[in-house]
């Protein structure tokens, strides 16, 4: 990004982590942020498997995914999608920051090129993303759209989360009226 004329403020040092007011001040000074899906793993809660993968890749940079899986016997691990979105997705939207995100499904209704600038996982579209970043009017529209989808719509609020949870637990739309359901601990 710097070679394309953008000012970058990126660090991987734990001493540079910003929290609280410092994070909000920093974010308020940004036009763009870069992000991707995060997640957790019930199969590797302490990161030991990830460490083994890195060791194998350092020993053999051309090692295939299938060979890593065979050596680490990953077929014996629990399977599933453990990806997660970061609260930073919402914080950036609330602050009007245009997000450059690895193209993925983050939340329903949050679309590439409308709500964020999609960056290919292999970085093959960086020229296209940099070109879009130079069009500040378009980027402001993208940031405003993200704010509408993620913040102003209310669809991703704690209130809606609790409502969806209660709808599932009770088997009906709790906002549609009817008798409140009281769960008995002994049942």
N, C-alpha and C. Protein backbone atom coordinates (compact mmCIF):
# COMPACT_ATOMS: atom_id res chain seq x y z
N UNK A 1 0.83 -1.19 0.00
CA UNK A 1 0.00 0.00 0.00
C UNK A 1 0.88 1.26 0.00
N UNK A 2 1.98 1.22 0.74
CA UNK A 2 2.87 2.39 0.75
C UNK A 2 3.44 2.67 -0.63
N UNK A 3 3.78 1.63 -1.38
CA UNK A 3 4.32 1.84 -2.72
C UNK A 3 3.27 2.41 -3.67
N UNK A 4 2.00 2.31 -3.29
CA UNK A 4 0.90 2.87 -4.07
C UNK A 4 0.52 4.27 -3.60
N UNK A 5 1.28 4.80 -2.63
CA UNK A 5 1.05 6.16 -2.17
C UNK A 5 0.17 6.30 -0.94
N UNK A 6 -0.19 5.18 -0.31
CA UNK A 6 -1.01 5.25 0.89
C UNK A 6 -0.12 5.28 2.13
N UNK A 7 -0.54 6.02 3.14
CA UNK A 7 0.15 6.03 4.42
C UNK A 7 -0.36 4.85 5.22
N UNK A 8 0.56 4.06 5.74
CA UNK A 8 0.17 2.85 6.48
C UNK A 8 0.62 2.96 7.93
N UNK A 9 -0.20 2.45 8.80
CA UNK A 9 0.13 2.38 10.21
C UNK A 9 -0.24 0.98 10.67
N UNK A 10 0.70 0.05 10.50
CA UNK A 10 0.46 -1.36 10.79
C UNK A 10 1.58 -1.86 11.69
N UNK A 11 1.21 -2.64 12.68
CA UNK A 11 2.20 -3.24 13.55
C UNK A 11 1.72 -4.62 13.98
N UNK A 12 2.65 -5.51 14.17
CA UNK A 12 2.32 -6.84 14.70
C UNK A 12 2.89 -7.03 16.10
N UNK A 13 3.41 -5.96 16.69
CA UNK A 13 3.98 -6.03 18.04
C UNK A 13 2.86 -5.97 19.08
N UNK A 14 2.91 -6.84 20.05
CA UNK A 14 1.88 -6.82 21.10
C UNK A 14 1.92 -5.52 21.89
N UNK A 15 3.08 -4.88 21.94
CA UNK A 15 3.18 -3.61 22.67
C UNK A 15 2.45 -2.47 21.96
N UNK A 16 2.10 -2.67 20.68
CA UNK A 16 1.40 -1.64 19.92
C UNK A 16 -0.12 -1.83 19.87
N UNK A 17 -0.62 -2.81 20.59
CA UNK A 17 -2.07 -3.05 20.60
C UNK A 17 -2.77 -1.85 21.24
N UNK A 18 -3.82 -1.39 20.59
CA UNK A 18 -4.59 -0.25 21.09
C UNK A 18 -5.91 -0.74 21.66
N UNK A 19 -6.25 -0.25 22.84
CA UNK A 19 -7.52 -0.61 23.47
C UNK A 19 -8.18 0.65 24.01
N UNK A 20 -9.47 0.54 24.26
CA UNK A 20 -10.21 1.64 24.86
C UNK A 20 -10.16 2.91 24.04
N UNK A 21 -9.98 4.03 24.72
CA UNK A 21 -9.97 5.35 24.07
C UNK A 21 -8.89 5.46 23.00
N UNK A 22 -7.74 4.84 23.24
CA UNK A 22 -6.65 4.91 22.26
C UNK A 22 -7.08 4.27 20.94
N UNK A 23 -7.80 3.15 21.01
CA UNK A 23 -8.30 2.51 19.80
C UNK A 23 -9.29 3.41 19.09
N UNK A 24 -10.22 4.00 19.81
CA UNK A 24 -11.24 4.85 19.18
C UNK A 24 -10.61 6.09 18.54
N UNK A 25 -9.60 6.68 19.20
CA UNK A 25 -8.91 7.83 18.61
C UNK A 25 -8.19 7.42 17.33
N UNK A 26 -7.51 6.30 17.38
CA UNK A 26 -6.79 5.78 16.21
C UNK A 26 -7.78 5.53 15.07
N UNK A 27 -8.86 4.85 15.37
CA UNK A 27 -9.86 4.52 14.35
C UNK A 27 -10.48 5.78 13.77
N UNK A 28 -10.68 6.78 14.59
CA UNK A 28 -11.24 8.04 14.13
C UNK A 28 -10.35 8.77 13.15
N UNK A 29 -9.06 8.47 13.16
CA UNK A 29 -8.12 9.08 12.24
C UNK A 29 -7.91 8.28 10.95
N UNK A 30 -8.55 7.13 10.85
CA UNK A 30 -8.33 6.23 9.71
C UNK A 30 -9.38 6.43 8.63
N UNK A 31 -8.96 6.23 7.40
CA UNK A 31 -9.91 6.18 6.28
C UNK A 31 -10.22 4.74 5.93
N UNK A 32 -9.26 3.83 6.17
CA UNK A 32 -9.41 2.43 5.81
C UNK A 32 -8.87 1.55 6.93
N UNK A 33 -9.45 0.39 7.04
CA UNK A 33 -8.86 -0.67 7.87
C UNK A 33 -8.84 -1.93 7.03
N UNK A 34 -7.99 -2.84 7.40
CA UNK A 34 -7.86 -4.12 6.72
C UNK A 34 -8.22 -5.21 7.72
N UNK A 35 -9.00 -6.19 7.27
CA UNK A 35 -9.39 -7.26 8.17
C UNK A 35 -9.75 -8.53 7.44
N UNK A 36 -10.06 -9.54 8.25
CA UNK A 36 -10.48 -10.84 7.73
C UNK A 36 -11.24 -11.58 8.82
N UNK A 37 -11.86 -12.67 8.43
CA UNK A 37 -12.55 -13.50 9.41
C UNK A 37 -11.55 -14.00 10.43
N UNK A 38 -11.99 -14.10 11.65
CA UNK A 38 -11.17 -14.69 12.69
C UNK A 38 -11.80 -16.01 13.08
N UNK A 39 -11.51 -16.45 14.25
CA UNK A 39 -12.15 -17.68 14.70
C UNK A 39 -11.39 -18.33 15.82
N UNK A 40 -11.93 -19.42 16.22
CA UNK A 40 -11.35 -20.20 17.30
C UNK A 40 -11.41 -21.66 16.90
N UNK A 41 -10.73 -22.46 17.61
CA UNK A 41 -10.75 -23.88 17.28
C UNK A 41 -10.88 -24.71 18.54
N UNK A 42 -11.92 -25.52 18.57
CA UNK A 42 -12.04 -26.43 19.70
C UNK A 42 -11.01 -27.54 19.58
N UNK A 43 -10.47 -27.71 18.36
CA UNK A 43 -9.47 -28.75 18.15
C UNK A 43 -8.07 -28.28 18.56
N UNK A 44 -7.84 -26.98 18.62
CA UNK A 44 -6.51 -26.44 18.90
C UNK A 44 -6.60 -25.19 19.77
N UNK A 45 -7.19 -25.31 20.96
CA UNK A 45 -7.42 -24.10 21.77
C UNK A 45 -6.15 -23.40 22.22
N UNK A 46 -5.03 -24.08 22.27
CA UNK A 46 -3.79 -23.46 22.73
C UNK A 46 -2.82 -23.16 21.58
N UNK A 47 -3.23 -23.45 20.34
CA UNK A 47 -2.40 -23.13 19.18
C UNK A 47 -1.27 -24.10 18.90
N UNK A 48 -1.28 -25.26 19.55
CA UNK A 48 -0.19 -26.22 19.33
C UNK A 48 -0.24 -26.82 17.93
N UNK A 49 -1.43 -27.09 17.43
CA UNK A 49 -1.56 -27.62 16.08
C UNK A 49 -1.06 -26.59 15.06
N UNK A 50 -1.43 -25.34 15.27
CA UNK A 50 -0.97 -24.27 14.38
C UNK A 50 0.55 -24.18 14.40
N UNK A 51 1.14 -24.36 15.56
CA UNK A 51 2.59 -24.32 15.68
C UNK A 51 3.23 -25.47 14.90
N UNK A 52 2.64 -26.67 14.97
CA UNK A 52 3.15 -27.81 14.22
C UNK A 52 3.05 -27.57 12.71
N UNK A 53 1.93 -26.97 12.26
CA UNK A 53 1.75 -26.66 10.85
C UNK A 53 2.86 -25.71 10.39
N UNK A 54 3.13 -24.67 11.17
CA UNK A 54 4.19 -23.71 10.81
C UNK A 54 5.55 -24.40 10.75
N UNK A 55 5.81 -25.31 11.69
CA UNK A 55 7.09 -26.03 11.68
C UNK A 55 7.23 -26.86 10.41
N UNK A 56 6.16 -27.56 10.02
CA UNK A 56 6.20 -28.35 8.80
C UNK A 56 6.41 -27.46 7.57
N UNK A 57 5.75 -26.31 7.55
CA UNK A 57 5.89 -25.39 6.41
C UNK A 57 7.27 -24.76 6.37
N UNK A 58 7.89 -24.52 7.51
CA UNK A 58 9.23 -23.95 7.53
C UNK A 58 10.24 -25.00 7.03
N UNK A 59 10.04 -26.26 7.41
CA UNK A 59 10.94 -27.32 6.95
C UNK A 59 10.79 -27.58 5.45
N UNK A 60 9.54 -27.47 4.97
CA UNK A 60 9.26 -27.75 3.57
C UNK A 60 8.24 -26.73 3.06
N UNK A 61 8.70 -25.59 2.51
CA UNK A 61 7.77 -24.55 2.05
C UNK A 61 6.81 -25.01 0.96
N UNK A 62 7.11 -26.12 0.29
CA UNK A 62 6.25 -26.61 -0.79
C UNK A 62 5.30 -27.72 -0.33
N UNK A 63 5.27 -27.98 0.98
CA UNK A 63 4.41 -29.04 1.49
C UNK A 63 2.94 -28.72 1.18
N UNK A 64 2.20 -29.74 0.79
CA UNK A 64 0.80 -29.53 0.44
C UNK A 64 -0.10 -29.61 1.67
N UNK A 65 -1.28 -29.03 1.52
CA UNK A 65 -2.28 -29.10 2.59
C UNK A 65 -2.61 -30.55 2.92
N UNK A 66 -2.75 -31.37 1.88
CA UNK A 66 -3.07 -32.79 2.09
C UNK A 66 -1.97 -33.51 2.86
N UNK A 67 -0.71 -33.19 2.56
CA UNK A 67 0.40 -33.83 3.26
C UNK A 67 0.44 -33.38 4.73
N UNK A 68 0.18 -32.11 4.98
CA UNK A 68 0.12 -31.62 6.37
C UNK A 68 -0.99 -32.35 7.10
N UNK A 69 -2.16 -32.46 6.49
CA UNK A 69 -3.29 -33.15 7.12
C UNK A 69 -2.95 -34.61 7.41
N UNK A 70 -2.27 -35.25 6.46
CA UNK A 70 -1.90 -36.67 6.67
C UNK A 70 -0.92 -36.81 7.84
N UNK A 71 0.10 -35.97 7.86
CA UNK A 71 1.11 -36.06 8.92
C UNK A 71 0.55 -35.75 10.30
N UNK A 72 -0.37 -34.79 10.36
CA UNK A 72 -0.92 -34.38 11.66
C UNK A 72 -2.21 -35.12 12.02
N UNK A 73 -2.64 -36.01 11.11
CA UNK A 73 -3.84 -36.82 11.35
C UNK A 73 -5.05 -35.95 11.68
N UNK A 74 -5.24 -34.88 10.91
CA UNK A 74 -6.33 -33.95 11.19
C UNK A 74 -7.70 -34.55 10.94
N UNK A 75 -7.77 -35.68 10.22
CA UNK A 75 -9.07 -36.32 10.00
C UNK A 75 -9.65 -36.85 11.31
N UNK A 76 -8.84 -36.96 12.35
CA UNK A 76 -9.32 -37.42 13.65
C UNK A 76 -9.84 -36.29 14.53
N UNK A 77 -9.67 -35.05 14.07
CA UNK A 77 -10.10 -33.89 14.86
C UNK A 77 -11.56 -33.55 14.58
N UNK A 78 -12.19 -32.87 15.53
CA UNK A 78 -13.58 -32.43 15.29
C UNK A 78 -13.63 -31.51 14.06
N UNK A 79 -14.66 -31.67 13.25
CA UNK A 79 -14.80 -30.88 12.03
C UNK A 79 -15.88 -29.83 12.23
N UNK A 80 -15.78 -28.75 11.51
CA UNK A 80 -16.80 -27.71 11.58
C UNK A 80 -16.23 -26.37 11.15
N UNK A 81 -17.11 -25.41 11.04
CA UNK A 81 -16.72 -24.05 10.69
C UNK A 81 -16.66 -23.24 11.98
N UNK A 82 -15.47 -22.88 12.39
CA UNK A 82 -15.28 -22.14 13.63
C UNK A 82 -14.90 -20.69 13.37
N UNK A 83 -15.24 -20.20 12.16
CA UNK A 83 -14.92 -18.82 11.85
C UNK A 83 -15.83 -17.89 12.64
N UNK A 84 -15.36 -16.68 12.82
CA UNK A 84 -16.11 -15.70 13.60
C UNK A 84 -15.77 -14.30 13.09
N UNK A 85 -16.71 -13.39 13.30
CA UNK A 85 -16.42 -12.01 12.95
C UNK A 85 -15.94 -11.29 14.19
N UNK A 86 -15.14 -10.30 13.97
CA UNK A 86 -14.60 -9.50 15.06
C UNK A 86 -15.53 -8.33 15.34
N UNK A 87 -15.60 -7.90 16.59
CA UNK A 87 -16.35 -6.68 16.89
C UNK A 87 -15.80 -5.49 16.11
N UNK A 88 -14.55 -5.57 15.67
CA UNK A 88 -13.94 -4.47 14.92
C UNK A 88 -14.72 -4.18 13.64
N UNK A 89 -15.37 -5.20 13.07
CA UNK A 89 -16.20 -5.00 11.88
C UNK A 89 -17.27 -3.94 12.17
N UNK A 90 -17.88 -4.05 13.33
CA UNK A 90 -18.94 -3.13 13.73
C UNK A 90 -18.38 -1.79 14.18
N UNK A 91 -17.24 -1.83 14.87
CA UNK A 91 -16.62 -0.59 15.32
C UNK A 91 -16.21 0.28 14.13
N UNK A 92 -15.64 -0.33 13.13
CA UNK A 92 -15.24 0.42 11.93
C UNK A 92 -16.45 1.01 11.24
N UNK A 93 -17.52 0.22 11.14
CA UNK A 93 -18.75 0.71 10.51
C UNK A 93 -19.31 1.89 11.29
N UNK A 94 -19.31 1.80 12.61
CA UNK A 94 -19.84 2.87 13.45
C UNK A 94 -19.02 4.15 13.32
N UNK A 95 -17.74 4.02 13.04
CA UNK A 95 -16.86 5.18 12.94
C UNK A 95 -16.73 5.70 11.50
N UNK A 96 -17.43 5.04 10.55
CA UNK A 96 -17.40 5.51 9.17
C UNK A 96 -16.11 5.21 8.43
N UNK A 97 -15.42 4.16 8.85
CA UNK A 97 -14.17 3.77 8.22
C UNK A 97 -14.46 2.75 7.12
N UNK A 98 -13.93 2.97 5.94
CA UNK A 98 -14.10 2.04 4.83
C UNK A 98 -13.22 0.81 5.11
N UNK A 99 -13.81 -0.36 5.00
CA UNK A 99 -13.10 -1.58 5.34
C UNK A 99 -12.65 -2.34 4.09
N UNK A 100 -11.39 -2.73 4.10
CA UNK A 100 -10.82 -3.61 3.09
C UNK A 100 -10.73 -4.97 3.77
N UNK A 101 -11.58 -5.89 3.32
CA UNK A 101 -11.69 -7.18 3.99
C UNK A 101 -11.43 -8.32 3.03
N UNK A 102 -10.84 -9.37 3.56
CA UNK A 102 -10.74 -10.58 2.76
C UNK A 102 -12.15 -10.98 2.36
N UNK A 103 -12.34 -11.26 1.08
CA UNK A 103 -13.70 -11.56 0.61
C UNK A 103 -14.19 -12.83 1.27
N UNK A 104 -15.32 -12.71 1.97
CA UNK A 104 -15.90 -13.84 2.71
C UNK A 104 -17.32 -13.47 3.11
N UNK A 105 -18.03 -14.42 3.68
CA UNK A 105 -19.36 -14.14 4.24
C UNK A 105 -19.15 -13.74 5.70
N UNK A 106 -19.47 -12.50 6.01
CA UNK A 106 -19.33 -12.01 7.38
C UNK A 106 -20.66 -12.09 8.12
N UNK A 107 -21.64 -11.38 7.64
CA UNK A 107 -23.01 -11.45 8.17
C UNK A 107 -23.96 -11.31 6.99
N UNK A 108 -25.17 -11.81 7.16
CA UNK A 108 -26.17 -11.70 6.10
C UNK A 108 -26.40 -10.24 5.73
N UNK A 109 -26.44 -9.98 4.45
CA UNK A 109 -26.71 -8.63 3.97
C UNK A 109 -25.50 -7.72 3.86
N UNK A 110 -24.33 -8.18 4.25
CA UNK A 110 -23.09 -7.40 4.20
C UNK A 110 -22.33 -7.86 2.96
N UNK A 111 -22.34 -7.01 1.91
CA UNK A 111 -21.91 -7.43 0.59
C UNK A 111 -20.63 -6.74 0.12
N UNK A 112 -19.76 -7.52 -0.61
CA UNK A 112 -18.56 -6.91 -1.18
C UNK A 112 -18.92 -5.86 -2.22
N UNK A 113 -18.08 -4.85 -2.32
CA UNK A 113 -18.20 -3.70 -3.23
C UNK A 113 -19.35 -2.79 -2.86
N UNK A 114 -20.26 -3.20 -2.01
CA UNK A 114 -21.31 -2.30 -1.53
C UNK A 114 -21.01 -1.87 -0.10
N UNK A 115 -20.56 -2.81 0.75
CA UNK A 115 -20.34 -2.55 2.16
C UNK A 115 -18.87 -2.64 2.58
N UNK A 116 -18.06 -3.22 1.74
CA UNK A 116 -16.62 -3.29 1.99
C UNK A 116 -15.89 -3.53 0.68
N UNK A 117 -14.61 -3.21 0.67
CA UNK A 117 -13.77 -3.48 -0.49
C UNK A 117 -13.22 -4.89 -0.33
N UNK A 118 -13.56 -5.80 -1.24
CA UNK A 118 -13.13 -7.20 -1.09
C UNK A 118 -11.71 -7.43 -1.60
N UNK A 119 -10.89 -7.99 -0.75
CA UNK A 119 -9.52 -8.33 -1.11
C UNK A 119 -9.44 -9.84 -1.25
N UNK A 120 -8.96 -10.30 -2.39
CA UNK A 120 -8.83 -11.75 -2.63
C UNK A 120 -7.83 -12.34 -1.65
N UNK A 121 -8.08 -13.57 -1.21
CA UNK A 121 -7.19 -14.24 -0.26
C UNK A 121 -5.76 -14.33 -0.77
N UNK A 122 -5.62 -14.47 -2.08
CA UNK A 122 -4.28 -14.56 -2.67
C UNK A 122 -3.72 -13.19 -3.08
N UNK A 123 -4.44 -12.12 -2.73
CA UNK A 123 -4.05 -10.73 -3.00
C UNK A 123 -3.99 -10.43 -4.50
N UNK A 124 -4.64 -11.22 -5.31
CA UNK A 124 -4.56 -11.06 -6.77
C UNK A 124 -5.30 -9.82 -7.28
N UNK A 125 -6.14 -9.21 -6.45
CA UNK A 125 -6.89 -8.04 -6.91
C UNK A 125 -6.47 -6.75 -6.21
N UNK A 126 -5.24 -6.69 -5.73
CA UNK A 126 -4.80 -5.49 -5.01
C UNK A 126 -4.87 -4.25 -5.89
N UNK A 127 -4.54 -4.36 -7.17
CA UNK A 127 -4.59 -3.18 -8.05
C UNK A 127 -6.02 -2.63 -8.12
N UNK A 128 -7.00 -3.52 -8.22
CA UNK A 128 -8.40 -3.10 -8.27
C UNK A 128 -8.83 -2.45 -6.94
N UNK A 129 -8.39 -3.01 -5.83
CA UNK A 129 -8.73 -2.44 -4.52
C UNK A 129 -8.07 -1.08 -4.34
N UNK A 130 -6.79 -0.96 -4.72
CA UNK A 130 -6.11 0.34 -4.61
C UNK A 130 -6.80 1.39 -5.47
N UNK A 131 -7.22 1.00 -6.66
CA UNK A 131 -7.94 1.93 -7.54
C UNK A 131 -9.23 2.40 -6.86
N UNK A 132 -9.96 1.48 -6.25
CA UNK A 132 -11.20 1.85 -5.55
C UNK A 132 -10.89 2.75 -4.36
N UNK A 133 -9.80 2.49 -3.66
CA UNK A 133 -9.44 3.30 -2.49
C UNK A 133 -9.12 4.75 -2.88
N UNK A 134 -8.70 4.97 -4.09
CA UNK A 134 -8.40 6.32 -4.55
C UNK A 134 -9.67 7.13 -4.85
N UNK A 135 -10.78 6.46 -4.99
CA UNK A 135 -12.06 7.12 -5.24
C UNK A 135 -12.75 7.36 -3.89
N UNK A 136 -12.40 8.48 -3.24
CA UNK A 136 -12.85 8.71 -1.88
C UNK A 136 -14.36 8.84 -1.78
N UNK A 137 -15.02 9.43 -2.78
CA UNK A 137 -16.49 9.52 -2.74
C UNK A 137 -17.11 8.13 -2.69
N UNK A 138 -16.61 7.24 -3.52
CA UNK A 138 -17.12 5.87 -3.52
C UNK A 138 -16.86 5.19 -2.18
N UNK A 139 -15.69 5.40 -1.61
CA UNK A 139 -15.35 4.78 -0.33
C UNK A 139 -16.23 5.30 0.80
N UNK A 140 -16.58 6.59 0.76
CA UNK A 140 -17.51 7.13 1.75
C UNK A 140 -18.87 6.47 1.62
N UNK A 141 -19.30 6.22 0.38
CA UNK A 141 -20.58 5.53 0.16
C UNK A 141 -20.52 4.11 0.70
N UNK A 142 -19.41 3.44 0.47
CA UNK A 142 -19.24 2.07 0.97
C UNK A 142 -19.27 2.06 2.49
N UNK A 143 -18.57 2.99 3.11
CA UNK A 143 -18.55 3.07 4.58
C UNK A 143 -19.95 3.38 5.12
N UNK A 144 -20.67 4.26 4.46
CA UNK A 144 -22.04 4.60 4.90
C UNK A 144 -22.96 3.40 4.74
N UNK A 145 -22.80 2.65 3.68
CA UNK A 145 -23.62 1.45 3.47
C UNK A 145 -23.34 0.42 4.56
N UNK A 146 -22.06 0.24 4.90
CA UNK A 146 -21.70 -0.69 5.98
C UNK A 146 -22.33 -0.25 7.29
N UNK A 147 -22.31 1.05 7.57
CA UNK A 147 -22.93 1.55 8.80
C UNK A 147 -24.43 1.26 8.79
N UNK A 148 -25.08 1.45 7.65
CA UNK A 148 -26.52 1.17 7.56
C UNK A 148 -26.82 -0.31 7.80
N UNK A 149 -26.04 -1.18 7.19
CA UNK A 149 -26.28 -2.62 7.32
C UNK A 149 -25.96 -3.12 8.73
N UNK A 150 -24.81 -2.70 9.25
CA UNK A 150 -24.33 -3.28 10.52
C UNK A 150 -24.83 -2.55 11.77
N UNK A 151 -25.07 -1.26 11.67
CA UNK A 151 -25.40 -0.49 12.87
C UNK A 151 -26.84 0.01 12.82
N UNK A 152 -27.14 0.85 11.88
CA UNK A 152 -28.45 1.52 11.84
C UNK A 152 -29.63 0.57 11.64
N UNK A 153 -29.43 -0.54 10.93
CA UNK A 153 -30.53 -1.47 10.68
C UNK A 153 -31.01 -2.13 11.97
N UNK A 154 -30.14 -2.24 12.95
CA UNK A 154 -30.50 -2.91 14.20
C UNK A 154 -30.51 -4.43 14.10
N UNK A 155 -30.29 -4.96 12.91
CA UNK A 155 -30.35 -6.42 12.72
C UNK A 155 -29.27 -7.16 13.48
N UNK A 156 -28.19 -6.48 13.82
CA UNK A 156 -27.07 -7.17 14.46
C UNK A 156 -26.85 -6.67 15.89
N UNK A 157 -27.90 -6.17 16.49
CA UNK A 157 -27.83 -5.66 17.86
C UNK A 157 -27.97 -6.81 18.86
N UNK A 158 -27.62 -6.54 20.10
CA UNK A 158 -27.83 -7.54 21.15
C UNK A 158 -29.32 -7.84 21.31
N UNK A 159 -30.13 -6.82 21.15
CA UNK A 159 -31.58 -7.01 21.24
C UNK A 159 -32.05 -8.06 20.23
N UNK A 160 -31.58 -7.94 18.99
CA UNK A 160 -31.97 -8.90 17.95
C UNK A 160 -31.37 -10.27 18.21
N UNK A 161 -30.16 -10.32 18.75
CA UNK A 161 -29.56 -11.60 19.10
C UNK A 161 -30.41 -12.32 20.14
N UNK A 162 -30.81 -11.60 21.17
CA UNK A 162 -31.63 -12.20 22.22
C UNK A 162 -32.98 -12.62 21.65
N UNK A 163 -33.55 -11.78 20.79
CA UNK A 163 -34.84 -12.13 20.18
C UNK A 163 -34.72 -13.42 19.39
N UNK A 164 -33.69 -13.53 18.55
CA UNK A 164 -33.52 -14.76 17.76
C UNK A 164 -33.32 -15.96 18.67
N UNK A 165 -32.56 -15.78 19.73
CA UNK A 165 -32.34 -16.85 20.70
C UNK A 165 -33.66 -17.29 21.32
N UNK A 166 -34.46 -16.32 21.75
CA UNK A 166 -35.75 -16.64 22.37
C UNK A 166 -36.71 -17.26 21.36
N UNK A 167 -36.69 -16.79 20.11
CA UNK A 167 -37.54 -17.39 19.08
C UNK A 167 -37.22 -18.87 18.92
N UNK A 168 -35.93 -19.19 18.91
CA UNK A 168 -35.52 -20.59 18.77
C UNK A 168 -35.92 -21.39 20.00
N UNK A 169 -35.68 -20.82 21.18
CA UNK A 169 -35.99 -21.53 22.43
C UNK A 169 -37.50 -21.77 22.61
N UNK A 170 -38.29 -20.80 22.22
CA UNK A 170 -39.74 -20.91 22.43
C UNK A 170 -40.46 -21.53 21.25
N UNK A 171 -39.81 -21.56 20.11
CA UNK A 171 -40.43 -22.12 18.93
C UNK A 171 -41.40 -21.19 18.24
N UNK A 172 -41.44 -19.92 18.63
CA UNK A 172 -42.30 -18.95 17.94
C UNK A 172 -41.69 -17.55 18.04
N UNK A 173 -42.25 -16.64 17.27
CA UNK A 173 -41.79 -15.26 17.24
C UNK A 173 -42.24 -14.56 18.51
N UNK A 174 -41.29 -14.24 19.39
CA UNK A 174 -41.66 -13.65 20.68
C UNK A 174 -42.28 -12.27 20.52
N UNK A 175 -42.02 -11.60 19.41
CA UNK A 175 -42.62 -10.28 19.18
C UNK A 175 -44.05 -10.37 18.67
N UNK A 176 -44.48 -11.56 18.29
CA UNK A 176 -45.82 -11.71 17.72
C UNK A 176 -46.90 -11.79 18.81
N UNK A 177 -46.49 -11.69 20.03
CA UNK A 177 -47.47 -11.74 21.12
C UNK A 177 -47.63 -13.15 21.64
N UNK A 178 -48.71 -13.37 22.33
CA UNK A 178 -48.95 -14.69 22.92
C UNK A 178 -48.41 -14.74 24.32
N UNK A 179 -48.59 -15.89 24.93
CA UNK A 179 -48.17 -16.06 26.32
C UNK A 179 -46.65 -16.12 26.42
N UNK A 180 -46.10 -15.43 27.38
CA UNK A 180 -44.67 -15.58 27.61
C UNK A 180 -44.37 -17.00 28.07
N UNK A 181 -43.26 -17.51 27.68
CA UNK A 181 -42.87 -18.86 28.07
C UNK A 181 -41.99 -18.76 29.31
N UNK A 182 -42.38 -19.53 30.33
CA UNK A 182 -41.59 -19.60 31.55
C UNK A 182 -40.96 -20.98 31.59
N UNK A 183 -39.65 -20.99 31.65
CA UNK A 183 -38.95 -22.27 31.69
C UNK A 183 -38.76 -22.69 33.12
N UNK A 184 -39.24 -23.88 33.46
CA UNK A 184 -39.11 -24.44 34.80
C UNK A 184 -37.79 -25.19 34.86
N UNK A 185 -37.00 -24.92 35.87
CA UNK A 185 -35.69 -25.54 36.01
C UNK A 185 -35.81 -27.06 36.10
N UNK A 186 -36.90 -27.56 36.69
CA UNK A 186 -37.05 -29.00 36.85
C UNK A 186 -37.47 -29.71 35.58
N UNK A 187 -37.91 -28.97 34.56
CA UNK A 187 -38.39 -29.63 33.33
C UNK A 187 -37.27 -30.13 32.49
